[in-house]
Amino acid sequence: MNLRIIDGLPFVEVTIAFRGKSLRLGDVLLDTGSAGTIFHSDRLADIGLEPEPQDITHLIRGIGGTEFVYSKVLDAVFLESIKLPSFSAEIGLMDYGYVLDGILGFDFISAANLIIDAQTMEIRTIR
């Protein structure tokens, strides 16, 4: 699969599966410097993913500042043919001054055994 470079940053498309519904997200930053994965709450509301009383909230910090998020176990996250079932991600407003559907962090990158080839701008897995 190919990376898209926008303003010097690598972007990919992912599909989120949650309670029998799925949603394709086209503007997801692939970020080796982010420990965790986060998706935009407004986008995921399109498939009925909203905060529930049992969800755990966190305060996260990053280059974009701090924000409150909640954790949700998604049925699966797909990066083309790569599928990570029962994947836990953070959900938040992602008000970072940049339009993003989400950030695939190092938790996803390592769990999927991704190899990022910056020369060819391709991603593959060693599975």
Protein backbone atom coordinates (compact mmCIF):
# COMPACT_ATOMS: atom_id res chain seq x y z
CA MET A 1 0.00 0.00 0.00
CA ASN A 2 1.16 3.51 -0.73
CA LEU A 3 1.64 6.51 1.51
CA ARG A 4 0.22 9.85 0.46
CA ILE A 5 2.40 12.78 1.44
CA ILE A 6 0.52 15.96 2.36
CA ASP A 7 2.52 18.96 3.61
CA GLY A 8 5.44 16.58 4.17
CA LEU A 9 3.42 14.19 6.36
CA PRO A 10 2.52 10.54 5.59
CA PHE A 11 -1.20 9.75 5.29
CA VAL A 12 -3.07 6.48 4.79
CA GLU A 13 -6.67 5.30 4.50
CA VAL A 14 -8.12 3.03 7.18
CA THR A 15 -11.47 1.39 7.75
CA ILE A 16 -12.99 1.19 11.21
CA ALA A 17 -15.45 -1.59 12.11
CA PHE A 18 -17.71 -1.10 15.13
CA ARG A 19 -20.85 -3.03 16.10
CA GLY A 20 -21.63 -4.22 12.61
CA LYS A 21 -20.95 -0.92 10.85
CA SER A 22 -17.85 0.26 9.05
CA LEU A 23 -16.41 3.61 8.06
CA ARG A 24 -13.57 4.47 5.71
CA LEU A 25 -11.33 7.29 6.90
CA GLY A 26 -9.22 8.87 4.17
CA ASP A 27 -7.04 11.34 6.06
CA VAL A 28 -5.26 9.35 8.77
CA LEU A 29 -1.74 10.41 9.72
CA LEU A 30 0.78 7.57 10.07
CA ASP A 31 2.81 8.75 13.07
CA THR A 32 5.73 6.77 14.48
CA GLY A 33 6.17 9.51 17.09
CA SER A 34 2.70 9.02 18.58
CA ALA A 35 2.49 6.27 21.19
CA GLY A 36 -1.21 5.71 20.66
CA THR A 37 -3.88 5.73 17.99
CA ILE A 38 -6.65 8.32 18.04
CA PHE A 39 -9.66 8.90 15.81
CA HIS A 40 -11.83 11.99 15.39
CA SER A 41 -15.01 11.69 17.43
CA ASP A 42 -17.18 13.60 14.95
CA ARG A 43 -16.24 11.21 12.12
CA LEU A 44 -16.92 8.07 14.16
CA ALA A 45 -20.32 9.38 15.25
CA ASP A 46 -21.36 8.60 11.65
CA ILE A 47 -21.40 4.88 12.59
CA GLY A 48 -22.93 5.38 16.05
CA LEU A 49 -19.69 5.36 18.00
CA GLU A 50 -20.27 7.69 20.93
CA PRO A 51 -19.12 7.86 24.56
CA GLU A 52 -20.78 5.40 26.92
CA PRO A 53 -20.77 5.37 30.75
CA GLN A 54 -18.27 2.47 30.93
CA ASP A 55 -15.70 4.20 28.68
CA ILE A 56 -12.52 5.35 30.39
CA THR A 57 -11.45 8.95 29.84
CA HIS A 58 -7.84 10.15 29.73
CA LEU A 59 -5.95 13.39 29.37
CA ILE A 60 -3.40 13.01 26.58
CA ARG A 61 -0.49 15.28 25.67
CA GLY A 62 1.26 15.74 22.37
CA ILE A 63 2.62 18.30 19.97
CA GLY A 64 -0.93 19.58 19.46
CA GLY A 65 -1.39 20.24 23.18
CA THR A 66 -3.60 18.40 25.64
CA GLU A 67 -7.10 17.03 25.28
CA PHE A 68 -9.54 14.71 26.99
CA VAL A 69 -10.28 11.51 25.09
CA TYR A 70 -12.09 8.28 25.80
CA SER A 71 -10.93 4.74 25.06
CA LYS A 72 -12.96 2.39 22.91
CA VAL A 73 -12.28 -1.16 21.76
CA LEU A 74 -13.11 -1.24 18.06
CA ASP A 75 -14.19 -4.46 16.37
CA ALA A 76 -11.32 -4.02 13.93
CA VAL A 77 -9.09 -1.51 12.23
CA PHE A 78 -8.13 -2.24 8.61
CA LEU A 79 -5.20 -0.80 6.73
CA GLU A 80 -6.00 -2.25 3.30
CA SER A 81 -5.59 -6.04 3.78
CA ILE A 82 -4.09 -5.71 7.27
CA LYS A 83 -6.68 -6.31 9.97
CA LEU A 84 -6.19 -5.72 13.69
CA PRO A 85 -9.22 -7.14 15.53
CA SER A 86 -10.35 -5.84 18.93
CA PHE A 87 -8.10 -2.81 18.67
CA SER A 88 -8.25 -0.23 21.46
CA ALA A 89 -8.05 3.39 20.34
CA GLU A 90 -8.61 6.82 21.80
CA ILE A 91 -11.49 8.96 20.53
CA GLY A 92 -11.32 12.75 20.73
CA LEU A 93 -11.96 16.09 19.04
CA MET A 94 -8.45 16.31 17.60
CA ASP A 95 -8.42 20.12 17.45
CA TYR A 96 -4.78 20.39 16.38
CA GLY A 97 -5.09 23.10 13.74
CA TYR A 98 -4.91 20.49 10.98
CA VAL A 99 -7.75 18.51 9.36
CA LEU A 100 -7.31 14.85 10.35
CA ASP A 101 -9.62 11.84 10.57
CA GLY A 102 -7.17 10.17 12.92
CA ILE A 103 -3.62 9.28 13.82
CA LEU A 104 -2.29 5.72 13.53
CA GLY A 105 0.27 5.61 16.30
CA PHE A 106 3.11 3.31 17.19
CA ASP A 107 0.73 0.93 19.00
CA PHE A 108 -0.89 0.09 15.64
CA ILE A 109 2.40 0.16 13.70
CA SER A 110 4.05 -2.35 16.04
CA ALA A 111 0.99 -4.59 16.46
CA ALA A 112 0.62 -4.83 12.66
CA ASN A 113 4.38 -5.39 12.17
CA LEU A 114 4.48 -2.59 9.62
CA ILE A 115 7.53 -1.79 7.55
CA ILE A 116 7.53 1.78 6.29
CA ASP A 117 9.71 2.24 3.22
CA ALA A 118 10.39 5.97 2.84
CA GLN A 119 12.24 5.50 -0.42
CA THR A 120 9.34 3.83 -2.25
CA MET A 121 6.61 5.43 -0.06
CA GLU A 122 5.11 2.00 0.56
CA ILE A 123 3.94 0.17 3.65
CA ARG A 124 4.05 -3.59 4.01
CA THR A 125 3.91 -6.08 6.83
CA ILE A 126 6.22 -8.93 7.81
CA ARG A 127 3.31 -11.22 8.72
